[in-house]
Protein backbone atom coordinates (compact mmCIF):
# COMPACT_ATOMS: atom_id res chain seq x y z
CA MET A 1 27.27 -14.70 -7.99
CA HIS A 2 28.39 -10.90 -8.80
CA LYS A 3 24.86 -10.64 -10.52
CA PHE A 4 21.49 -8.95 -9.00
CA SER A 5 18.84 -10.59 -11.03
CA LYS A 6 14.94 -9.67 -11.42
CA HIS A 7 14.52 -12.39 -8.79
CA GLU A 8 16.89 -10.90 -6.03
CA ARG A 9 14.76 -8.20 -6.07
CA LEU A 10 12.01 -7.88 -3.34
CA ARG A 11 8.60 -6.86 -5.12
CA SER A 12 5.99 -8.89 -3.76
CA LYS A 13 3.15 -6.50 -1.78
CA LYS A 14 2.46 -8.57 0.81
CA SER A 15 6.51 -9.48 1.53
CA ILE A 16 7.11 -5.83 1.52
CA ALA A 17 4.27 -4.66 3.96
CA GLU A 18 5.07 -7.66 6.44
CA LEU A 19 9.02 -6.55 6.36
CA PHE A 20 8.01 -3.31 7.11
CA ASP A 21 5.60 -4.85 9.97
CA LYS A 22 7.88 -7.07 11.55
CA GLY A 23 11.02 -6.39 10.56
CA LYS A 24 13.99 -5.02 12.61
CA THR A 25 16.18 -1.95 11.68
CA ILE A 26 19.77 -1.24 11.69
CA HIS A 27 21.23 2.10 11.21
CA VAL A 28 24.83 2.77 9.86
CA GLY A 29 26.05 6.30 8.58
CA GLY A 30 22.99 7.62 6.82
CA ILE A 31 21.91 4.33 5.79
CA LYS A 32 18.91 2.13 7.16
CA CYS A 33 18.45 -1.24 6.82
CA MET A 34 15.13 -2.95 7.69
CA TYR A 35 15.23 -6.84 7.51
CA LEU A 36 13.13 -10.15 8.66
CA LEU A 37 14.65 -13.20 8.54
CA LYS A 38 12.03 -16.16 7.66
CA PRO A 39 13.34 -19.52 9.10
CA GLY A 40 12.80 -22.80 7.20
CA THR A 41 12.28 -21.18 3.83
CA ALA A 42 14.49 -22.85 0.69
CA SER A 43 14.75 -20.84 -1.84
CA ALA A 44 17.10 -20.51 -5.31
CA PHE A 45 17.45 -16.67 -3.55
CA PRO A 46 17.55 -16.76 -0.35
CA ALA A 47 18.42 -13.14 -0.03
CA LYS A 48 15.70 -10.38 -1.71
CA ALA A 49 16.75 -7.05 -1.48
CA LEU A 50 14.78 -3.56 -1.52
CA PHE A 51 16.47 -0.08 -2.43
CA VAL A 52 14.70 3.32 -1.50
CA VAL A 53 15.76 6.71 -1.46
CA PRO A 54 13.05 8.84 -0.12
CA GLN A 55 11.61 11.89 -2.52
CA ARG A 56 11.12 14.52 0.59
CA LEU A 57 15.36 13.84 0.75
CA PHE A 58 15.74 14.39 -3.26
CA ARG A 59 12.92 15.66 -5.21
CA LYS A 60 14.37 14.91 -8.56
CA ALA A 61 14.25 11.37 -9.76
CA VAL A 62 17.39 11.35 -11.02
CA GLU A 63 19.06 11.93 -7.94
CA ARG A 64 16.92 9.04 -6.23
CA ASN A 65 18.08 6.76 -8.74
CA PHE A 66 22.02 7.99 -8.87
CA PHE A 67 22.01 7.51 -5.17
CA LYS A 68 19.58 3.80 -5.61
CA ARG A 69 22.04 2.39 -8.27
CA ARG A 70 25.10 3.18 -5.89
CA ILE A 71 23.41 1.45 -2.85
CA LYS A 72 22.71 -1.62 -5.34
CA GLU A 73 25.96 -1.89 -6.63
CA ALA A 74 27.52 -1.85 -3.63
CA TYR A 75 25.25 -5.00 -2.20
CA ARG A 76 25.84 -6.69 -5.56
CA LEU A 77 29.88 -6.60 -4.81
CA HIS A 78 29.46 -7.27 -1.38
CA LYS A 79 26.65 -10.01 -1.04
CA GLY A 80 28.27 -13.06 -1.77
CA ALA A 81 29.10 -14.19 1.79
CA LEU A 82 25.43 -13.49 3.24
CA ILE A 83 23.84 -15.56 0.33
CA LYS A 84 26.38 -18.62 1.12
CA HIS A 85 25.52 -18.28 4.94
CA LEU A 86 21.47 -18.06 4.15
CA VAL A 87 21.82 -21.13 2.00
CA GLU A 88 23.64 -23.40 4.57
CA ARG A 89 21.14 -22.43 7.32
CA GLN A 90 17.95 -22.52 4.74
CA GLU A 91 16.56 -19.23 5.37
CA LEU A 92 15.42 -16.26 3.55
CA LEU A 93 16.04 -13.05 4.32
CA LEU A 94 14.54 -9.72 2.98
CA MET A 95 16.09 -6.21 2.99
CA ALA A 96 15.14 -2.77 2.34
CA PHE A 97 18.10 -0.42 2.10
CA ILE A 98 16.79 3.64 2.75
CA TYR A 99 19.45 6.07 2.05
CA ASN A 100 18.45 8.33 4.91
CA THR A 101 20.16 11.25 4.88
CA LYS A 102 20.75 14.67 2.56
CA GLU A 103 24.40 14.49 2.20
CA ARG A 104 25.33 13.18 -1.23
CA HIS A 105 28.18 10.88 -0.22
CA ASN A 106 30.57 9.11 -2.38
CA PHE A 107 30.55 5.31 -3.90
CA THR A 108 33.28 4.23 -1.40
CA HIS A 109 31.22 5.84 1.31
CA ILE A 110 28.30 4.08 0.46
CA GLU A 111 30.30 0.45 -0.08
CA SER A 112 31.70 0.95 3.65
CA LYS A 113 28.19 1.18 5.15
CA ILE A 114 26.36 -1.43 2.78
CA LEU A 115 29.23 -3.94 3.75
CA LEU A 116 29.24 -2.88 7.77
CA ILE A 117 24.97 -3.73 7.49
CA LEU A 118 25.98 -7.20 5.76
CA GLN A 119 28.41 -8.25 8.23
CA ARG A 120 25.73 -7.12 10.57
CA LEU A 121 23.38 -9.31 9.19
CA GLU A 122 25.60 -12.17 8.69
CA LYS A 123 26.93 -12.02 12.60
CA GLY A 124 23.14 -11.81 13.51
CA ASN A 125 22.05 -14.42 11.57
CA GLU A 126 24.68 -17.02 13.51
CA LYS A 127 23.11 -15.84 17.01
CA GLY A 128 19.80 -16.82 15.63
CA THR A 129 18.37 -13.21 15.28
């Protein structure tokens, strides 16, 4: 459960376009999460994620990749409860995590914000959002 495999990544251009067109947004401490819940879709991987750090904020690819790795690691460590919840409800969740600040936060700060986002997604999913 603590892996982040190739199949869990959101790669389909069609799915990404649908996420950015129809998705809802959560903002927490400089990290924006766009998400789209698709009911009735049973899948081996019920959550697919995309990680984005805009070039306008960090010009160097090294910096962008650094923050993407931090967000990805925080997501990988804390996704378990959300995945279990989605499997029970047989739903597919598409997510895009966007690092939306010029501040260079440390891993513990990013991890706490990702955890808050995942908890909100799970609570919102319970309500049927």
